[in-house]
Each structure stands twice: as C-alpha cells, then as structure tokens.
Amino acid sequence: MWASTYSKRLELALKIKGIPYEYVEEDLSNKSPLLLKYNPVHKIPVLVHNGKPIAESLIIIEYINETWKNEPRLLPDDPYKRAKVRFWASSFPGAFILPRTVRI
C-alpha cells in the first residue's frame, strides 16, 4: 500500500496535537464529489474544519498551529525559526498515491 507523504504529514500533525479527525480515502483516478467540492484544484490532502475546507499540507499545518494553540506547537513562535522549518518541510515533496480528505 502506498501513501501520500503530504497526507501523512497532515495525519502526523493531527495526532501530535491530539485532534480527533475523520479519515476519508480518495481515489484520484475517480475523484469523489466531496473532493471536487472542497478543493478547487482537486488535490489532497484537504482539511475540512467547521464546514470550511483548507488545502495543501503546509498551509493546513499552519492553520492547525494557529487554531489549536495547545502544546506541543507544530511551528516555532520565532519568525526566523518558523521560516527555516517551512523551508525544510517544502524541500521534501511526496507523491499522491493513497489520497485522503480529512474532516474535523
């Protein structure tokens, strides 16, 4: 079984923060109406929080970090350190093999 590293990144962030979520598997060769509705570019992962979709794993992680302020923090408070984390995180792209949509 293959997995999207982007989705895994999001799954790990949700688990670290202790946020319960609903896992929805997607078949990108036959995109579901849910994925088409929630993501204008029809990619995964997608986080749906309070009925509002957020797309792209790094953007979702920033959203999680800003929305759930409990420890542990996913990104440093210091802007320079946060920029370094974003640089390294964006330097490791992954493949979309086993897609997911996550709903909170």
PDB file of N, CA and C in Angstrom:
ATOM      1  N   MET A   1       0.839  -1.173   0.000  1.00  0.00           N
ATOM      2  CA  MET A   1       0.000   0.000   0.000  1.00  0.00           C
ATOM      3  C   MET A   1       0.889   1.243   0.000  1.00  0.00           C
ATOM      4  N   TRP A   2       0.565   2.209  -0.835  1.00  0.00           N
ATOM      5  CA  TRP A   2       1.297   3.456  -0.945  1.00  0.00           C
ATOM      6  C   TRP A   2       0.530   4.554  -0.224  1.00  0.00           C
ATOM      7  N   ALA A   3       1.237   5.546   0.224  1.00  0.00           N
ATOM      8  CA  ALA A   3       0.592   6.660   0.923  1.00  0.00           C
ATOM      9  C   ALA A   3       1.180   7.978   0.444  1.00  0.00           C
ATOM     10  N   SER A   4       0.359   8.981   0.450  1.00  0.00           N
ATOM     11  CA  SER A   4       0.801  10.324   0.121  1.00  0.00           C
ATOM     12  C   SER A   4       1.598  10.888   1.289  1.00  0.00           C
ATOM     13  N   THR A   5       2.816  11.339   1.034  1.00  0.00           N
ATOM     14  CA  THR A   5       3.604  11.938   2.108  1.00  0.00           C
ATOM     15  C   THR A   5       2.955  13.225   2.594  1.00  0.00           C
ATOM     16  N   TYR A   6       2.252  13.919   1.710  1.00  0.00           N
ATOM     17  CA  TYR A   6       1.544  15.145   2.106  1.00  0.00           C
ATOM     18  C   TYR A   6       0.433  14.811   3.096  1.00  0.00           C
ATOM     19  N   SER A   7      -0.312  13.758   2.818  1.00  0.00           N
ATOM     20  CA  SER A   7      -1.375  13.338   3.726  1.00  0.00           C
ATOM     21  C   SER A   7      -0.802  12.812   5.034  1.00  0.00           C
ATOM     22  N   LYS A   8       0.285  12.066   4.946  1.00  0.00           N
ATOM     23  CA  LYS A   8       0.933  11.549   6.152  1.00  0.00           C
ATOM     24  C   LYS A   8       1.416  12.697   7.037  1.00  0.00           C
ATOM     25  N   ARG A   9       1.934  13.746   6.421  1.00  0.00           N
ATOM     26  CA  ARG A   9       2.390  14.931   7.145  1.00  0.00           C
ATOM     27  C   ARG A   9       1.228  15.520   7.947  1.00  0.00           C
ATOM     28  N   LEU A  10       0.077  15.628   7.317  1.00  0.00           N
ATOM     29  CA  LEU A  10      -1.114  16.166   7.966  1.00  0.00           C
ATOM     30  C   LEU A  10      -1.609  15.228   9.069  1.00  0.00           C
ATOM     31  N   GLU A  11      -1.648  13.940   8.777  1.00  0.00           N
ATOM     32  CA  GLU A  11      -2.085  12.954   9.761  1.00  0.00           C
ATOM     33  C   GLU A  11      -1.213  13.015  11.016  1.00  0.00           C
ATOM     34  N   LEU A  12       0.082  13.118  10.823  1.00  0.00           N
ATOM     35  CA  LEU A  12       1.017  13.200  11.939  1.00  0.00           C
ATOM     36  C   LEU A  12       0.766  14.467  12.755  1.00  0.00           C
ATOM     37  N   ALA A  13       0.552  15.587  12.100  1.00  0.00           N
ATOM     38  CA  ALA A  13       0.288  16.847  12.797  1.00  0.00           C
ATOM     39  C   ALA A  13      -0.971  16.743  13.650  1.00  0.00           C
ATOM     40  N   LEU A  14      -2.022  16.149  13.108  1.00  0.00           N
ATOM     41  CA  LEU A  14      -3.271  15.987  13.858  1.00  0.00           C
ATOM     42  C   LEU A  14      -3.064  15.080  15.070  1.00  0.00           C
ATOM     43  N   LYS A  15      -2.297  14.010  14.894  1.00  0.00           N
ATOM     44  CA  LYS A  15      -2.035  13.086  16.010  1.00  0.00           C
ATOM     45  C   LYS A  15      -1.180  13.749  17.084  1.00  0.00           C
ATOM     46  N   ILE A  16      -0.164  14.491  16.683  1.00  0.00           N
ATOM     47  CA  ILE A  16       0.705  15.193  17.643  1.00  0.00           C
ATOM     48  C   ILE A  16      -0.119  16.159  18.482  1.00  0.00           C
ATOM     49  N   LYS A  17      -1.038  16.866  17.852  1.00  0.00           N
ATOM     50  CA  LYS A  17      -1.874  17.837  18.557  1.00  0.00           C
ATOM     51  C   LYS A  17      -3.023  17.183  19.313  1.00  0.00           C
ATOM     52  N   GLY A  18      -3.267  15.892  19.077  1.00  0.00           N
ATOM     53  CA  GLY A  18      -4.354  15.198  19.759  1.00  0.00           C
ATOM     54  C   GLY A  18      -5.726  15.595  19.241  1.00  0.00           C
ATOM     55  N   ILE A  19      -5.808  15.943  17.976  1.00  0.00           N
ATOM     56  CA  ILE A  19      -7.060  16.386  17.366  1.00  0.00           C
ATOM     57  C   ILE A  19      -7.755  15.192  16.716  1.00  0.00           C
ATOM     58  N   PRO A  20      -8.967  14.868  17.165  1.00  0.00           N
ATOM     59  CA  PRO A  20      -9.696  13.766  16.517  1.00  0.00           C
ATOM     60  C   PRO A  20     -10.098  14.171  15.101  1.00  0.00           C
ATOM     61  N   TYR A  21     -10.094  13.210  14.198  1.00  0.00           N
ATOM     62  CA  TYR A  21     -10.434  13.509  12.811  1.00  0.00           C
ATOM     63  C   TYR A  21     -11.079  12.300  12.152  1.00  0.00           C
ATOM     64  N   GLU A  22     -11.767  12.580  11.068  1.00  0.00           N
ATOM     65  CA  GLU A  22     -12.361  11.520  10.248  1.00  0.00           C
ATOM     66  C   GLU A  22     -11.492  11.342   9.014  1.00  0.00           C
ATOM     67  N   TYR A  23     -11.027  10.135   8.797  1.00  0.00           N
ATOM     68  CA  TYR A  23     -10.190   9.809   7.643  1.00  0.00           C
ATOM     69  C   TYR A  23     -11.096   9.379   6.495  1.00  0.00           C
ATOM     70  N   VAL A  24     -10.921  10.008   5.342  1.00  0.00           N
ATOM     71  CA  VAL A  24     -11.689   9.643   4.151  1.00  0.00           C
ATOM     72  C   VAL A  24     -10.700   9.346   3.035  1.00  0.00           C
ATOM     73  N   GLU A  25     -10.686   8.121   2.565  1.00  0.00           N
ATOM     74  CA  GLU A  25      -9.771   7.730   1.495  1.00  0.00           C
ATOM     75  C   GLU A  25     -10.335   8.175   0.150  1.00  0.00           C
ATOM     76  N   GLU A  26      -9.445   8.633  -0.719  1.00  0.00           N
ATOM     77  CA  GLU A  26      -9.832   9.114  -2.043  1.00  0.00           C
ATOM     78  C   GLU A  26      -9.144   8.293  -3.128  1.00  0.00           C
ATOM     79  N   ASP A  27      -9.816   8.133  -4.234  1.00  0.00           N
ATOM     80  CA  ASP A  27      -9.240   7.525  -5.431  1.00  0.00           C
ATOM     81  C   ASP A  27      -9.076   8.656  -6.442  1.00  0.00           C
ATOM     82  N   LEU A  28      -7.841   9.112  -6.642  1.00  0.00           N
ATOM     83  CA  LEU A  28      -7.631  10.269  -7.521  1.00  0.00           C
ATOM     84  C   LEU A  28      -7.920   9.969  -8.986  1.00  0.00           C
ATOM     85  N   SER A  29      -8.012   8.695  -9.341  1.00  0.00           N
ATOM     86  CA  SER A  29      -8.382   8.370 -10.720  1.00  0.00           C
ATOM     87  C   SER A  29      -9.898   8.452 -10.902  1.00  0.00           C
ATOM     88  N   ASN A  30     -10.622   8.537  -9.778  1.00  0.00           N
ATOM     89  CA  ASN A  30     -12.078   8.662  -9.805  1.00  0.00           C
ATOM     90  C   ASN A  30     -12.467   9.570  -8.638  1.00  0.00           C
ATOM     91  N   LYS A  31     -12.197  10.861  -8.787  1.00  0.00           N
ATOM     92  CA  LYS A  31     -12.358  11.819  -7.691  1.00  0.00           C
ATOM     93  C   LYS A  31     -13.805  11.920  -7.228  1.00  0.00           C
ATOM     94  N   SER A  32     -13.966  11.897  -5.921  1.00  0.00           N
ATOM     95  CA  SER A  32     -15.305  11.937  -5.333  1.00  0.00           C
ATOM     96  C   SER A  32     -15.899  13.335  -5.410  1.00  0.00           C
ATOM     97  N   PRO A  33     -17.217  13.431  -5.362  1.00  0.00           N
ATOM     98  CA  PRO A  33     -17.869  14.748  -5.317  1.00  0.00           C
ATOM     99  C   PRO A  33     -17.399  15.566  -4.111  1.00  0.00           C
ATOM    100  N   LEU A  34     -17.072  14.888  -3.004  1.00  0.00           N
ATOM    101  CA  LEU A  34     -16.591  15.571  -1.811  1.00  0.00           C
ATOM    102  C   LEU A  34     -15.267  16.290  -2.083  1.00  0.00           C
ATOM    103  N   LEU A  35     -14.326  15.603  -2.716  1.00  0.00           N
ATOM    104  CA  LEU A  35     -13.044  16.223  -3.053  1.00  0.00           C
ATOM    105  C   LEU A  35     -13.245  17.354  -4.058  1.00  0.00           C
ATOM    106  N   LEU A  36     -14.061  17.132  -5.059  1.00  0.00           N
ATOM    107  CA  LEU A  36     -14.321  18.162  -6.064  1.00  0.00           C
ATOM    108  C   LEU A  36     -14.973  19.396  -5.437  1.00  0.00           C
ATOM    109  N   LYS A  37     -15.805  19.179  -4.448  1.00  0.00           N
ATOM    110  CA  LYS A  37     -16.495  20.281  -3.774  1.00  0.00           C
ATOM    111  C   LYS A  37     -15.535  21.080  -2.896  1.00  0.00           C
ATOM    112  N   TYR A  38     -14.699  20.381  -2.140  1.00  0.00           N
ATOM    113  CA  TYR A  38     -13.897  21.039  -1.126  1.00  0.00           C
ATOM    114  C   TYR A  38     -12.546  21.567  -1.588  1.00  0.00           C
ATOM    115  N   ASN A  39     -12.035  21.111  -2.706  1.00  0.00           N
ATOM    116  CA  ASN A  39     -10.730  21.595  -3.156  1.00  0.00           C
ATOM    117  C   ASN A  39     -10.806  22.005  -4.618  1.00  0.00           C
ATOM    118  N   PRO A  40     -10.644  23.298  -4.889  1.00  0.00           N
ATOM    119  CA  PRO A  40     -10.784  23.792  -6.266  1.00  0.00           C
ATOM    120  C   PRO A  40      -9.750  23.224  -7.238  1.00  0.00           C
ATOM    121  N   VAL A  41      -8.615  22.748  -6.732  1.00  0.00           N
ATOM    122  CA  VAL A  41      -7.605  22.160  -7.626  1.00  0.00           C
ATOM    123  C   VAL A  41      -7.624  20.639  -7.567  1.00  0.00           C
ATOM    124  N   HIS A  42      -8.572  20.081  -6.792  1.00  0.00           N
ATOM    125  CA  HIS A  42      -8.853  18.640  -6.750  1.00  0.00           C
ATOM    126  C   HIS A  42      -7.654  17.791  -6.334  1.00  0.00           C
ATOM    127  N   LYS A  43      -6.865  18.310  -5.375  1.00  0.00           N
ATOM    128  CA  LYS A  43      -5.718  17.563  -4.861  1.00  0.00           C
ATOM    129  C   LYS A  43      -5.949  17.234  -3.395  1.00  0.00           C
ATOM    130  N   ILE A  44      -5.124  16.366  -2.872  1.00  0.00           N
ATOM    131  CA  ILE A  44      -5.175  16.025  -1.456  1.00  0.00           C
ATOM    132  C   ILE A  44      -3.867  16.453  -0.805  1.00  0.00           C
ATOM    133  N   PRO A  45      -3.849  16.632   0.492  1.00  0.00           N
ATOM    134  CA  PRO A  45      -4.948  16.470   1.429  1.00  0.00           C
ATOM    135  C   PRO A  45      -5.821  17.720   1.514  1.00  0.00           C
ATOM    136  N   VAL A  46      -6.984  17.530   2.102  1.00  0.00           N
ATOM    137  CA  VAL A  46      -7.905  18.624   2.383  1.00  0.00           C
ATOM    138  C   VAL A  46      -8.352  18.463   3.829  1.00  0.00           C
ATOM    139  N   LEU A  47      -8.308  19.546   4.577  1.00  0.00           N
ATOM    140  CA  LEU A  47      -8.844  19.562   5.929  1.00  0.00           C
ATOM    141  C   LEU A  47     -10.148  20.341   5.878  1.00  0.00           C
ATOM    142  N   VAL A  48     -11.215  19.752   6.388  1.00  0.00           N
ATOM    143  CA  VAL A  48     -12.490  20.450   6.464  1.00  0.00           C
ATOM    144  C   VAL A  48     -12.766  20.686   7.942  1.00  0.00           C
ATOM    145  N   HIS A  49     -12.743  21.946   8.339  1.00  0.00           N
ATOM    146  CA  HIS A  49     -12.953  22.312   9.734  1.00  0.00           C
ATOM    147  C   HIS A  49     -14.136  23.263   9.821  1.00  0.00           C
ATOM    148  N   ASN A  50     -15.151  22.862  10.580  1.00  0.00           N
ATOM    149  CA  ASN A  50     -16.378  23.655  10.701  1.00  0.00           C
ATOM    150  C   ASN A  50     -16.986  23.951   9.336  1.00  0.00           C
ATOM    151  N   GLY A  51     -16.915  22.957   8.430  1.00  0.00           N
ATOM    152  CA  GLY A  51     -17.506  23.096   7.107  1.00  0.00           C
ATOM    153  C   GLY A  51     -16.682  23.901   6.122  1.00  0.00           C
ATOM    154  N   LYS A  52     -15.520  24.370   6.543  1.00  0.00           N
ATOM    155  CA  LYS A  52     -14.665  25.193   5.678  1.00  0.00           C
ATOM    156  C   LYS A  52     -13.421  24.398   5.282  1.00  0.00           C
ATOM    157  N   PRO A  53     -13.168  24.278   3.978  1.00  0.00           N
ATOM    158  CA  PRO A  53     -12.011  23.490   3.527  1.00  0.00           C
ATOM    159  C   PRO A  53     -10.714  24.297   3.499  1.00  0.00           C
ATOM    160  N   ILE A  54      -9.633  23.630   3.871  1.00  0.00           N
ATOM    161  CA  ILE A  54      -8.284  24.185   3.751  1.00  0.00           C
ATOM    162  C   ILE A  54      -7.472  23.143   2.993  1.00  0.00           C
ATOM    163  N   ALA A  55      -6.743  23.577   1.978  1.00  0.00           N
ATOM    164  CA  ALA A  55      -5.970  22.658   1.140  1.00  0.00           C
ATOM    165  C   ALA A  55      -4.472  22.932   1.285  1.00  0.00           C
ATOM    166  N   GLU A  56      -3.683  21.963   0.859  1.00  0.00           N
ATOM    167  CA  GLU A  56      -2.218  21.991   0.857  1.00  0.00           C
ATOM    168  C   GLU A  56      -1.678  21.729   2.258  1.00  0.00           C
ATOM    169  N   SER A  57      -0.876  20.697   2.391  1.00  0.00           N
ATOM    170  CA  SER A  57      -0.451  20.204   3.704  1.00  0.00           C
ATOM    171  C   SER A  57       0.248  21.256   4.563  1.00  0.00           C
ATOM    172  N   LEU A  58       1.171  22.026   4.016  1.00  0.00           N
ATOM    173  CA  LEU A  58       1.879  23.008   4.843  1.00  0.00           C
ATOM    174  C   LEU A  58       0.955  24.133   5.292  1.00  0.00           C
ATOM    175  N   ILE A  59       0.026  24.528   4.447  1.00  0.00           N
ATOM    176  CA  ILE A  59      -0.950  25.552   4.817  1.00  0.00           C
ATOM    177  C   ILE A  59      -1.868  25.008   5.908  1.00  0.00           C
ATOM    178  N   ILE A  60      -2.260  23.743   5.780  1.00  0.00           N
ATOM    179  CA  ILE A  60      -3.110  23.117   6.787  1.00  0.00           C
ATOM    180  C   ILE A  60      -2.377  23.039   8.125  1.00  0.00           C
ATOM    181  N   ILE A  61      -1.102  22.705   8.105  1.00  0.00           N
ATOM    182  CA  ILE A  61      -0.329  22.626   9.348  1.00  0.00           C
ATOM    183  C   ILE A  61      -0.230  23.989  10.010  1.00  0.00           C
ATOM    184  N   GLU A  62      -0.023  25.032   9.227  1.00  0.00           N
ATOM    185  CA  GLU A  62      -0.011  26.381   9.787  1.00  0.00           C
ATOM    186  C   GLU A  62      -1.376  26.708  10.401  1.00  0.00           C
ATOM    187  N   TYR A  63      -2.441  26.329   9.724  1.00  0.00           N
ATOM    188  CA  TYR A  63      -3.796  26.559  10.227  1.00  0.00           C
ATOM    189  C   TYR A  63      -4.010  25.823  11.550  1.00  0.00           C
ATOM    190  N   ILE A  64      -3.599  24.565  11.614  1.00  0.00           N
ATOM    191  CA  ILE A  64      -3.724  23.781  12.844  1.00  0.00           C
ATOM    192  C   ILE A  64      -2.949  24.453  13.971  1.00  0.00           C
ATOM    193  N   ASN A  65      -1.733  24.870  13.682  1.00  0.00           N
ATOM    194  CA  ASN A  65      -0.874  25.506  14.678  1.00  0.00           C
ATOM    195  C   ASN A  65      -1.505  26.794  15.214  1.00  0.00           C
ATOM    196  N   GLU A  66      -2.165  27.558  14.336  1.00  0.00           N
ATOM    197  CA  GLU A  66      -2.778  28.827  14.741  1.00  0.00           C
ATOM    198  C   GLU A  66      -4.138  28.626  15.402  1.00  0.00           C
ATOM    199  N   THR A  67      -4.843  27.551  15.052  1.00  0.00           N
ATOM    200  CA  THR A  67      -6.193  27.324  15.571  1.00  0.00           C
ATOM    201  C   THR A  67      -6.172  26.604  16.909  1.00  0.00           C
ATOM    202  N   TRP A  68      -5.354  25.569  17.029  1.00  0.00           N
ATOM    203  CA  TRP A  68      -5.216  24.815  18.275  1.00  0.00           C
ATOM    204  C   TRP A  68      -3.894  25.229  18.912  1.00  0.00           C
ATOM    205  N   LYS A  69      -3.973  26.136  19.870  1.00  0.00           N
ATOM    206  CA  LYS A  69      -2.769  26.728  20.456  1.00  0.00           C
ATOM    207  C   LYS A  69      -2.167  25.898  21.581  1.00  0.00           C
ATOM    208  N   ASN A  70      -2.782  24.737  21.882  1.00  0.00           N
ATOM    209  CA  ASN A  70      -2.247  23.871  22.929  1.00  0.00           C
ATOM    210  C   ASN A  70      -0.891  23.307  22.528  1.00  0.00           C
ATOM    211  N   GLU A  71      -0.153  22.872  23.525  1.00  0.00           N
ATOM    212  CA  GLU A  71       1.142  22.230  23.284  1.00  0.00           C
ATOM    213  C   GLU A  71       0.920  20.804  22.808  1.00  0.00           C
ATOM    214  N   PRO A  72       1.804  20.254  22.054  1.00  0.00           N
ATOM    215  CA  PRO A  72       3.005  20.890  21.526  1.00  0.00           C
ATOM    216  C   PRO A  72       2.689  21.744  20.303  1.00  0.00           C
ATOM    217  N   ARG A  73       3.446  22.779  20.146  1.00  0.00           N
ATOM    218  CA  ARG A  73       3.314  23.640  18.977  1.00  0.00           C
ATOM    219  C   ARG A  73       3.955  22.923  17.786  1.00  0.00           C
ATOM    220  N   LEU A  74       3.371  23.094  16.612  1.00  0.00           N
ATOM    221  CA  LEU A  74       3.910  22.454  15.405  1.00  0.00           C
ATOM    222  C   LEU A  74       4.995  23.295  14.753  1.00  0.00           C
ATOM    223  N   LEU A  75       4.912  24.599  14.945  1.00  0.00           N
ATOM    224  CA  LEU A  75       5.889  25.518  14.369  1.00  0.00           C
ATOM    225  C   LEU A  75       6.418  26.437  15.471  1.00  0.00           C
ATOM    226  N   PRO A  76       7.668  26.839  15.390  1.00  0.00           N
ATOM    227  CA  PRO A  76       8.227  27.749  16.400  1.00  0.00           C
ATOM    228  C   PRO A  76       7.540  29.118  16.354  1.00  0.00           C
ATOM    229  N   ASP A  77       7.538  29.807  17.481  1.00  0.00           N
ATOM    230  CA  ASP A  77       6.982  31.161  17.527  1.00  0.00           C
ATOM    231  C   ASP A  77       7.896  32.173  16.838  1.00  0.00           C
ATOM    232  N   ASP A  78       9.197  31.941  16.908  1.00  0.00           N
ATOM    233  CA  ASP A  78      10.170  32.852  16.300  1.00  0.00           C
ATOM    234  C   ASP A  78      10.044  32.821  14.775  1.00  0.00           C
ATOM    235  N   PRO A  79       9.849  33.987  14.127  1.00  0.00           N
ATOM    236  CA  PRO A  79       9.648  34.025  12.666  1.00  0.00           C
ATOM    237  C   PRO A  79      10.791  33.405  11.861  1.00  0.00           C
ATOM    238  N   TYR A  80      12.045  33.632  12.282  1.00  0.00           N
ATOM    239  CA  TYR A  80      13.173  33.073  11.545  1.00  0.00           C
ATOM    240  C   TYR A  80      13.184  31.551  11.638  1.00  0.00           C
ATOM    241  N   LYS A  81      12.985  31.027  12.847  1.00  0.00           N
ATOM    242  CA  LYS A  81      12.956  29.577  13.027  1.00  0.00           C
ATOM    243  C   LYS A  81      11.780  28.958  12.269  1.00  0.00           C
ATOM    244  N   ARG A  82      10.641  29.654  12.268  1.00  0.00           N
ATOM    245  CA  ARG A  82       9.464  29.164  11.537  1.00  0.00           C
ATOM    246  C   ARG A  82       9.759  29.126  10.034  1.00  0.00           C
ATOM    247  N   ALA A  83      10.449  30.136   9.530  1.00  0.00           N
ATOM    248  CA  ALA A  83      10.825  30.165   8.111  1.00  0.00           C
ATOM    249  C   ALA A  83      11.756  29.001   7.767  1.00  0.00           C
ATOM    250  N   LYS A  84      12.677  28.678   8.657  1.00  0.00           N
ATOM    251  CA  LYS A  84      13.576  27.543   8.427  1.00  0.00           C
ATOM    252  C   LYS A  84      12.800  26.234   8.369  1.00  0.00           C
ATOM    253  N   VAL A  85      11.841  26.065   9.270  1.00  0.00           N
ATOM    254  CA  VAL A  85      11.013  24.853   9.261  1.00  0.00           C
ATOM    255  C   VAL A  85      10.238  24.763   7.953  1.00  0.00           C
ATOM    256  N   ARG A  86       9.648  25.884   7.514  1.00  0.00           N
ATOM    257  CA  ARG A  86       8.895  25.895   6.251  1.00  0.00           C
ATOM    258  C   ARG A  86       9.800  25.542   5.077  1.00  0.00           C
ATOM    259  N   PHE A  87      11.027  26.068   5.078  1.00  0.00           N
ATOM    260  CA  PHE A  87      11.968  25.766   4.004  1.00  0.00           C
ATOM    261  C   PHE A  87      12.227  24.261   3.916  1.00  0.00           C
ATOM    262  N   TRP A  88      12.586  23.655   5.055  1.00  0.00           N
ATOM    263  CA  TRP A  88      12.911  22.230   5.042  1.00  0.00           C
ATOM    264  C   TRP A  88      11.695  21.368   4.748  1.00  0.00           C
ATOM    265  N   ALA A  89      10.545  21.754   5.263  1.00  0.00           N
ATOM    266  CA  ALA A  89       9.322  20.987   5.005  1.00  0.00           C
ATOM    267  C   ALA A  89       8.951  21.034   3.526  1.00  0.00           C
ATOM    268  N   SER A  90       9.163  22.178   2.891  1.00  0.00           N
ATOM    269  CA  SER A  90       8.812  22.299   1.464  1.00  0.00           C
ATOM    270  C   SER A  90       9.861  21.674   0.556  1.00  0.00           C
ATOM    271  N   SER A  91      11.005  21.316   1.113  1.00  0.00           N
ATOM    272  CA  SER A  91      12.082  20.720   0.315  1.00  0.00           C
ATOM    273  C   SER A  91      11.906  19.224   0.085  1.00  0.00           C
ATOM    274  N   PHE A  92      10.896  18.619   0.710  1.00  0.00           N
ATOM    275  CA  PHE A  92      10.697  17.182   0.592  1.00  0.00           C
ATOM    276  C   PHE A  92       9.316  16.871   0.034  1.00  0.00           C
ATOM    277  N   PRO A  93       9.128  17.034  -1.270  1.00  0.00           N
ATOM    278  CA  PRO A  93       7.821  16.738  -1.859  1.00  0.00           C
ATOM    279  C   PRO A  93       7.551  15.244  -1.873  1.00  0.00           C
ATOM    280  N   GLY A  94       6.281  14.884  -1.959  1.00  0.00           N
ATOM    281  CA  GLY A  94       5.915  13.474  -1.984  1.00  0.00           C
ATOM    282  C   GLY A  94       4.978  13.182  -3.140  1.00  0.00           C
ATOM    283  N   ALA A  95       4.540  11.963  -3.214  1.00  0.00           N
ATOM    284  CA  ALA A  95       3.661  11.536  -4.300  1.00  0.00           C
ATOM    285  C   ALA A  95       2.248  11.318  -3.782  1.00  0.00           C
ATOM    286  N   PHE A  96       1.272  11.510  -4.666  1.00  0.00           N
ATOM    287  CA  PHE A  96      -0.126  11.280  -4.314  1.00  0.00           C
ATOM    288  C   PHE A  96      -0.519   9.889  -4.792  1.00  0.00           C
ATOM    289  N   ILE A  97      -0.400   8.914  -3.912  1.00  0.00           N
ATOM    290  CA  ILE A  97      -0.719   7.544  -4.293  1.00  0.00           C
ATOM    291  C   ILE A  97      -1.989   7.066  -3.592  1.00  0.00           C
ATOM    292  N   LEU A  98      -2.034   7.232  -2.274  1.00  0.00           N
ATOM    293  CA  LEU A  98      -3.211   6.828  -1.494  1.00  0.00           C
ATOM    294  C   LEU A  98      -3.827   8.102  -0.901  1.00  0.00           C
ATOM    295  N   PRO A  99      -4.664   8.797  -1.645  1.00  0.00           N
ATOM    296  CA  PRO A  99      -5.152  10.116  -1.259  1.00  0.00           C
ATOM    297  C   PRO A  99      -6.133  10.085  -0.092  1.00  0.00           C
ATOM    298  N   ARG A 100      -6.238  11.232   0.563  1.00  0.00           N
ATOM    299  CA  ARG A 100      -7.120  11.374   1.706  1.00  0.00           C
ATOM    300  C   ARG A 100      -7.743  12.745   1.760  1.00  0.00           C
ATOM    301  N   THR A 101      -8.919  12.802   2.330  1.00  0.00           N
ATOM    302  CA  THR A 101      -9.536  14.045   2.742  1.00  0.00           C
ATOM    303  C   THR A 101      -9.796  13.880   4.230  1.00  0.00           C
ATOM    304  N   VAL A 102      -9.486  14.866   5.019  1.00  0.00           N
ATOM    305  CA  VAL A 102      -9.664  14.784   6.456  1.00  0.00           C
ATOM    306  C   VAL A 102     -10.703  15.799   6.862  1.00  0.00           C
ATOM    307  N   ARG A 103     -11.633  15.373   7.709  1.00  0.00           N
ATOM    308  CA  ARG A 103     -12.694  16.263   8.175  1.00  0.00           C
ATOM    309  C   ARG A 103     -12.677  16.294   9.685  1.00  0.00           C
ATOM    310  N   ILE A 104     -12.709  17.505  10.241  1.00  0.00           N
ATOM    311  CA  ILE A 104     -12.745  17.668  11.702  1.00  0.00           C
ATOM    312  C   ILE A 104     -14.122  18.154  12.078  1.00  0.00           C
TER     313      ILE A 104
END
